[in-house]
Each structure stands twice: as C-alpha cells, then as structure tokens.
N, C-alpha and C. Protein backbone atom coordinates (compact mmCIF):
# COMPACT_ATOMS: atom_id res chain seq x y z
N MET A 1 253.35 53.45 -151.12
CA MET A 1 252.76 53.56 -152.45
C MET A 1 253.83 54.17 -153.38
N ASP A 2 254.01 53.56 -154.54
CA ASP A 2 255.05 54.06 -155.44
C ASP A 2 254.51 55.14 -156.40
N ARG A 3 255.43 55.72 -157.16
CA ARG A 3 255.09 56.82 -158.08
C ARG A 3 254.02 56.41 -159.09
N TYR A 4 254.15 55.20 -159.62
CA TYR A 4 253.19 54.74 -160.62
C TYR A 4 251.78 54.67 -160.04
N GLU A 5 251.67 54.12 -158.84
CA GLU A 5 250.35 54.00 -158.21
C GLU A 5 249.75 55.38 -157.93
N ILE A 6 250.57 56.29 -157.45
CA ILE A 6 250.07 57.64 -157.17
C ILE A 6 249.66 58.33 -158.46
N SER A 7 250.45 58.18 -159.50
CA SER A 7 250.10 58.79 -160.79
C SER A 7 248.81 58.20 -161.35
N THR A 8 248.64 56.90 -161.16
CA THR A 8 247.41 56.25 -161.63
C THR A 8 246.21 56.78 -160.86
N LEU A 9 246.33 56.85 -159.54
CA LEU A 9 245.23 57.38 -158.74
C LEU A 9 244.93 58.83 -159.12
N ARG A 10 245.98 59.61 -159.37
CA ARG A 10 245.79 61.01 -159.77
C ARG A 10 245.05 61.10 -161.10
N ALA A 11 245.33 60.17 -162.01
CA ALA A 11 244.64 60.17 -163.30
C ALA A 11 243.13 59.96 -163.12
N TYR A 12 242.77 59.15 -162.15
CA TYR A 12 241.35 58.88 -161.89
C TYR A 12 240.69 59.95 -161.03
N TYR A 13 241.39 60.37 -159.98
CA TYR A 13 240.75 61.20 -158.97
C TYR A 13 241.37 62.59 -158.80
N GLY A 14 242.33 62.95 -159.62
CA GLY A 14 243.01 64.23 -159.47
C GLY A 14 242.07 65.43 -159.51
N ALA A 15 241.01 65.34 -160.27
CA ALA A 15 240.05 66.45 -160.37
C ALA A 15 239.31 66.67 -159.05
N LEU A 16 239.37 65.69 -158.15
CA LEU A 16 238.70 65.83 -156.86
C LEU A 16 239.59 66.50 -155.81
N LEU A 17 240.86 66.67 -156.13
CA LEU A 17 241.79 67.36 -155.24
C LEU A 17 241.70 68.87 -155.48
N THR A 18 242.30 69.63 -154.57
CA THR A 18 242.41 71.07 -154.85
C THR A 18 243.40 71.21 -156.01
N ASP A 19 243.31 72.32 -156.72
CA ASP A 19 244.23 72.55 -157.84
C ASP A 19 245.68 72.51 -157.37
N LYS A 20 245.93 73.10 -156.21
CA LYS A 20 247.29 73.15 -155.67
C LYS A 20 247.79 71.75 -155.32
N GLN A 21 246.98 70.95 -154.68
CA GLN A 21 247.38 69.58 -154.34
C GLN A 21 247.68 68.78 -155.61
N ASP A 22 246.79 68.87 -156.57
CA ASP A 22 246.96 68.13 -157.82
C ASP A 22 248.25 68.54 -158.51
N LYS A 23 248.51 69.82 -158.60
CA LYS A 23 249.71 70.32 -159.28
C LYS A 23 250.97 69.91 -158.52
N MET A 24 250.95 70.05 -157.19
CA MET A 24 252.14 69.69 -156.41
C MET A 24 252.44 68.20 -156.50
N ILE A 25 251.41 67.37 -156.44
CA ILE A 25 251.61 65.92 -156.58
C ILE A 25 252.17 65.60 -157.96
N SER A 26 251.62 66.24 -158.97
CA SER A 26 252.12 66.03 -160.33
C SER A 26 253.58 66.44 -160.47
N LEU A 27 253.92 67.60 -159.95
CA LEU A 27 255.30 68.08 -160.04
C LEU A 27 256.26 67.15 -159.29
N HIS A 28 255.84 66.69 -158.12
CA HIS A 28 256.73 65.85 -157.33
C HIS A 28 256.85 64.44 -157.89
N TYR A 29 255.75 63.81 -158.22
CA TYR A 29 255.79 62.41 -158.65
C TYR A 29 255.99 62.22 -160.15
N ASP A 30 255.43 63.11 -160.96
CA ASP A 30 255.55 62.95 -162.41
C ASP A 30 256.77 63.69 -162.97
N GLU A 31 257.06 64.86 -162.41
CA GLU A 31 258.17 65.67 -162.92
C GLU A 31 259.44 65.53 -162.07
N ASP A 32 259.35 64.76 -160.98
CA ASP A 32 260.48 64.47 -160.09
C ASP A 32 261.10 65.73 -159.49
N MET A 33 260.26 66.71 -159.18
CA MET A 33 260.75 67.94 -158.56
C MET A 33 260.81 67.76 -157.04
N SER A 34 261.78 68.40 -156.42
CA SER A 34 261.93 68.31 -154.97
C SER A 34 260.93 69.23 -154.28
N TYR A 35 260.76 69.00 -152.97
CA TYR A 35 259.87 69.87 -152.20
C TYR A 35 260.37 71.32 -152.26
N GLY A 36 261.68 71.49 -152.20
CA GLY A 36 262.25 72.84 -152.26
C GLY A 36 261.95 73.54 -153.57
N GLU A 37 262.07 72.83 -154.68
CA GLU A 37 261.77 73.42 -155.99
C GLU A 37 260.30 73.81 -156.10
N ILE A 38 259.44 72.94 -155.61
CA ILE A 38 258.00 73.22 -155.66
C ILE A 38 257.67 74.39 -154.73
N ALA A 39 258.32 74.43 -153.55
CA ALA A 39 258.09 75.52 -152.60
C ALA A 39 258.44 76.87 -153.23
N GLU A 40 259.55 76.91 -153.94
CA GLU A 40 259.94 78.15 -154.64
C GLU A 40 258.90 78.55 -155.67
N MET A 41 258.43 77.59 -156.42
CA MET A 41 257.47 77.85 -157.48
C MET A 41 256.17 78.43 -156.92
N PHE A 42 255.73 77.91 -155.79
CA PHE A 42 254.46 78.34 -155.19
C PHE A 42 254.64 79.42 -154.12
N ASP A 43 255.91 79.77 -153.85
CA ASP A 43 256.23 80.78 -152.84
C ASP A 43 255.65 80.40 -151.47
N VAL A 44 255.90 79.14 -151.09
CA VAL A 44 255.49 78.62 -149.78
C VAL A 44 256.68 77.87 -149.18
N SER A 45 256.53 77.42 -147.94
CA SER A 45 257.61 76.66 -147.30
C SER A 45 257.63 75.21 -147.81
N ARG A 46 258.77 74.56 -147.61
CA ARG A 46 258.87 73.14 -147.98
C ARG A 46 257.89 72.32 -147.15
N ASN A 47 257.69 72.73 -145.90
CA ASN A 47 256.72 72.03 -145.04
C ASN A 47 255.31 72.12 -145.61
N ALA A 48 254.96 73.28 -146.15
CA ALA A 48 253.63 73.45 -146.75
C ALA A 48 253.46 72.53 -147.95
N VAL A 49 254.52 72.39 -148.73
CA VAL A 49 254.48 71.49 -149.90
C VAL A 49 254.30 70.05 -149.43
N LEU A 50 255.12 69.64 -148.46
CA LEU A 50 255.02 68.29 -147.93
C LEU A 50 253.62 68.02 -147.40
N ASP A 51 253.09 68.94 -146.62
CA ASP A 51 251.75 68.79 -146.05
C ASP A 51 250.70 68.65 -147.14
N SER A 52 250.79 69.49 -148.16
CA SER A 52 249.81 69.44 -149.26
C SER A 52 249.88 68.11 -150.01
N ILE A 53 251.09 67.64 -150.27
CA ILE A 53 251.27 66.38 -151.00
C ILE A 53 250.78 65.20 -150.15
N VAL A 54 251.13 65.18 -148.88
CA VAL A 54 250.70 64.08 -148.00
C VAL A 54 249.18 64.04 -147.91
N LYS A 55 248.56 65.19 -147.71
CA LYS A 55 247.10 65.23 -147.63
C LYS A 55 246.46 64.82 -148.96
N GLY A 56 247.03 65.29 -150.06
CA GLY A 56 246.49 64.94 -151.38
C GLY A 56 246.57 63.46 -151.65
N VAL A 57 247.71 62.85 -151.34
CA VAL A 57 247.87 61.40 -151.55
C VAL A 57 246.89 60.64 -150.65
N LYS A 58 246.73 61.11 -149.42
CA LYS A 58 245.77 60.47 -148.50
C LYS A 58 244.36 60.51 -149.09
N HIS A 59 243.99 61.66 -149.66
CA HIS A 59 242.67 61.77 -150.29
C HIS A 59 242.53 60.81 -151.47
N LEU A 60 243.58 60.71 -152.29
CA LEU A 60 243.54 59.79 -153.43
C LEU A 60 243.32 58.36 -152.96
N GLU A 61 244.02 57.97 -151.90
CA GLU A 61 243.87 56.62 -151.36
C GLU A 61 242.45 56.41 -150.82
N GLU A 62 241.90 57.43 -150.17
CA GLU A 62 240.54 57.32 -149.64
C GLU A 62 239.51 57.19 -150.77
N TYR A 63 239.70 57.97 -151.84
CA TYR A 63 238.78 57.87 -152.97
C TYR A 63 238.80 56.48 -153.57
N GLU A 64 239.99 55.91 -153.74
CA GLU A 64 240.09 54.57 -154.31
C GLU A 64 239.50 53.54 -153.36
N ALA A 65 239.72 53.70 -152.06
CA ALA A 65 239.16 52.77 -151.08
C ALA A 65 237.63 52.77 -151.14
N SER A 66 237.06 53.93 -151.41
CA SER A 66 235.59 54.03 -151.47
C SER A 66 235.03 53.64 -152.82
N LEU A 67 235.64 54.11 -153.90
CA LEU A 67 235.07 53.93 -155.23
C LEU A 67 235.62 52.73 -155.99
N ARG A 68 236.84 52.34 -155.71
CA ARG A 68 237.49 51.17 -156.31
C ARG A 68 237.56 51.21 -157.85
N LEU A 69 237.63 52.38 -158.45
CA LEU A 69 237.63 52.49 -159.91
C LEU A 69 238.87 51.87 -160.54
N VAL A 70 240.04 52.10 -159.96
CA VAL A 70 241.28 51.54 -160.50
C VAL A 70 241.23 50.02 -160.40
N ASP A 71 240.82 49.52 -159.25
CA ASP A 71 240.73 48.08 -159.03
C ASP A 71 239.74 47.43 -160.00
N LYS A 72 238.57 48.04 -160.15
CA LYS A 72 237.56 47.49 -161.05
C LYS A 72 238.05 47.47 -162.49
N GLU A 73 238.67 48.56 -162.93
CA GLU A 73 239.14 48.59 -164.32
C GLU A 73 240.23 47.56 -164.55
N SER A 74 241.09 47.38 -163.58
CA SER A 74 242.15 46.39 -163.68
C SER A 74 241.57 44.98 -163.83
N LYS A 75 240.56 44.68 -163.04
CA LYS A 75 239.92 43.36 -163.11
C LYS A 75 239.19 43.17 -164.43
N ILE A 76 238.50 44.19 -164.88
CA ILE A 76 237.80 44.11 -166.17
C ILE A 76 238.80 43.91 -167.30
N ASP A 77 239.92 44.64 -167.26
CA ASP A 77 240.94 44.52 -168.29
C ASP A 77 241.52 43.10 -168.32
N ALA A 78 241.77 42.54 -167.14
CA ALA A 78 242.29 41.16 -167.08
C ALA A 78 241.28 40.17 -167.64
N MET A 79 240.02 40.36 -167.35
CA MET A 79 238.98 39.46 -167.86
C MET A 79 238.86 39.58 -169.38
N LEU A 80 238.98 40.80 -169.89
CA LEU A 80 238.93 40.99 -171.34
C LEU A 80 240.12 40.31 -172.02
N ASP A 81 241.30 40.38 -171.39
CA ASP A 81 242.47 39.69 -171.94
C ASP A 81 242.21 38.19 -172.00
N GLU A 82 241.63 37.63 -170.94
CA GLU A 82 241.30 36.20 -170.92
C GLU A 82 240.29 35.86 -172.01
N LEU A 83 239.27 36.69 -172.14
CA LEU A 83 238.24 36.47 -173.15
C LEU A 83 238.85 36.50 -174.55
N ALA A 84 239.76 37.44 -174.78
CA ALA A 84 240.40 37.54 -176.09
C ALA A 84 241.21 36.28 -176.40
N LEU A 85 241.85 35.72 -175.39
CA LEU A 85 242.63 34.50 -175.60
C LEU A 85 241.73 33.29 -175.89
N MET A 86 240.54 33.28 -175.30
CA MET A 86 239.62 32.16 -175.47
C MET A 86 238.79 32.30 -176.76
N ALA A 87 238.65 33.50 -177.25
CA ALA A 87 237.75 33.74 -178.39
C ALA A 87 238.34 33.19 -179.67
N THR A 88 237.47 32.56 -180.45
CA THR A 88 237.87 32.09 -181.77
C THR A 88 237.14 32.87 -182.85
N ASP A 89 236.08 33.53 -182.48
CA ASP A 89 235.26 34.31 -183.41
C ASP A 89 235.85 35.73 -183.53
N THR A 90 236.09 36.15 -184.77
CA THR A 90 236.68 37.48 -184.96
C THR A 90 235.73 38.60 -184.51
N ASP A 91 234.43 38.39 -184.57
CA ASP A 91 233.48 39.39 -184.08
C ASP A 91 233.64 39.60 -182.58
N VAL A 92 233.86 38.51 -181.86
CA VAL A 92 234.06 38.60 -180.41
C VAL A 92 235.36 39.35 -180.12
N LEU A 93 236.41 39.04 -180.87
CA LEU A 93 237.68 39.74 -180.68
C LEU A 93 237.55 41.23 -180.95
N GLU A 94 236.79 41.59 -181.96
CA GLU A 94 236.56 43.00 -182.27
C GLU A 94 235.81 43.70 -181.14
N LYS A 95 234.83 43.02 -180.58
CA LYS A 95 234.07 43.60 -179.46
C LYS A 95 234.97 43.79 -178.23
N VAL A 96 235.84 42.82 -177.99
CA VAL A 96 236.78 42.95 -176.87
C VAL A 96 237.67 44.17 -177.09
N LYS A 97 238.15 44.35 -178.31
CA LYS A 97 238.99 45.52 -178.63
C LYS A 97 238.22 46.82 -178.45
N GLU A 98 236.96 46.84 -178.87
CA GLU A 98 236.12 48.03 -178.69
C GLU A 98 235.94 48.37 -177.22
N ILE A 99 235.68 47.36 -176.41
CA ILE A 99 235.50 47.58 -174.97
C ILE A 99 236.80 48.11 -174.36
N LYS A 100 237.94 47.54 -174.73
CA LYS A 100 239.23 48.02 -174.22
C LYS A 100 239.47 49.46 -174.61
N ASN A 101 239.10 49.82 -175.84
CA ASN A 101 239.27 51.21 -176.28
C ASN A 101 238.38 52.17 -175.47
N ILE A 102 237.19 51.73 -175.15
CA ILE A 102 236.30 52.55 -174.33
C ILE A 102 236.91 52.75 -172.94
N LEU A 103 237.43 51.68 -172.36
CA LEU A 103 238.03 51.76 -171.03
C LEU A 103 239.25 52.68 -171.01
N GLU A 104 240.01 52.66 -172.10
CA GLU A 104 241.23 53.49 -172.16
C GLU A 104 240.89 54.96 -172.35
N GLY A 105 239.68 55.23 -172.77
CA GLY A 105 239.20 56.61 -172.88
C GLY A 105 239.69 57.28 -174.10
C-alpha cells in the first residue's frame, strides 16, 4: 500500500485509531519522518514506532475492508463524472456539482 492510499484511509478512519497510532502514521507517511525521528519525539524505541504504525495501518485496511467507504465514494464520484458528461441540462449539472461538493465535505 502506498503513501497516498494510507493517507486516504487515514482521512476516513484515522479517528478510529488511537491518538498515538494516528499521529505516528501521519508523521511517517505525510511528514516523511523516519522511525528514529518519531521515536525521539515520543520517547519510545524505533521498534515501538514500527509496531504502532504497522498495527495502525492494519486497522485502517480492516476498516476499509468492512465499511468500503473509500471504494464507495470513488465509484460514486466516477458515476457523477459520467453523468456530468452526459447531461445537457444545466440544472442537472448544478445538482451533480452540489453532490460532489457534499462528498468532498
């Protein structure tokens, strides 16, 4: 799983992780900090950081496997793009834009 995918999953499910897992994953994947740098910051071993990140990422993957929120939104977004291309009525296009804005939060 690449950085983008992990960051996306964290955006959806990060609140379900422990604060420490969420922060460590963010620092490692979003801020590009090494395990050693994060270990210093939290005053723990590099192994503890690695363990926390691995467990956190595993939880994120499990949440997505169960809830499929990222997958569903991706499919809805693709369908809205198709609908926008097919629409000739400006009211329909406006509704598509409104729905996309709601999805983007």
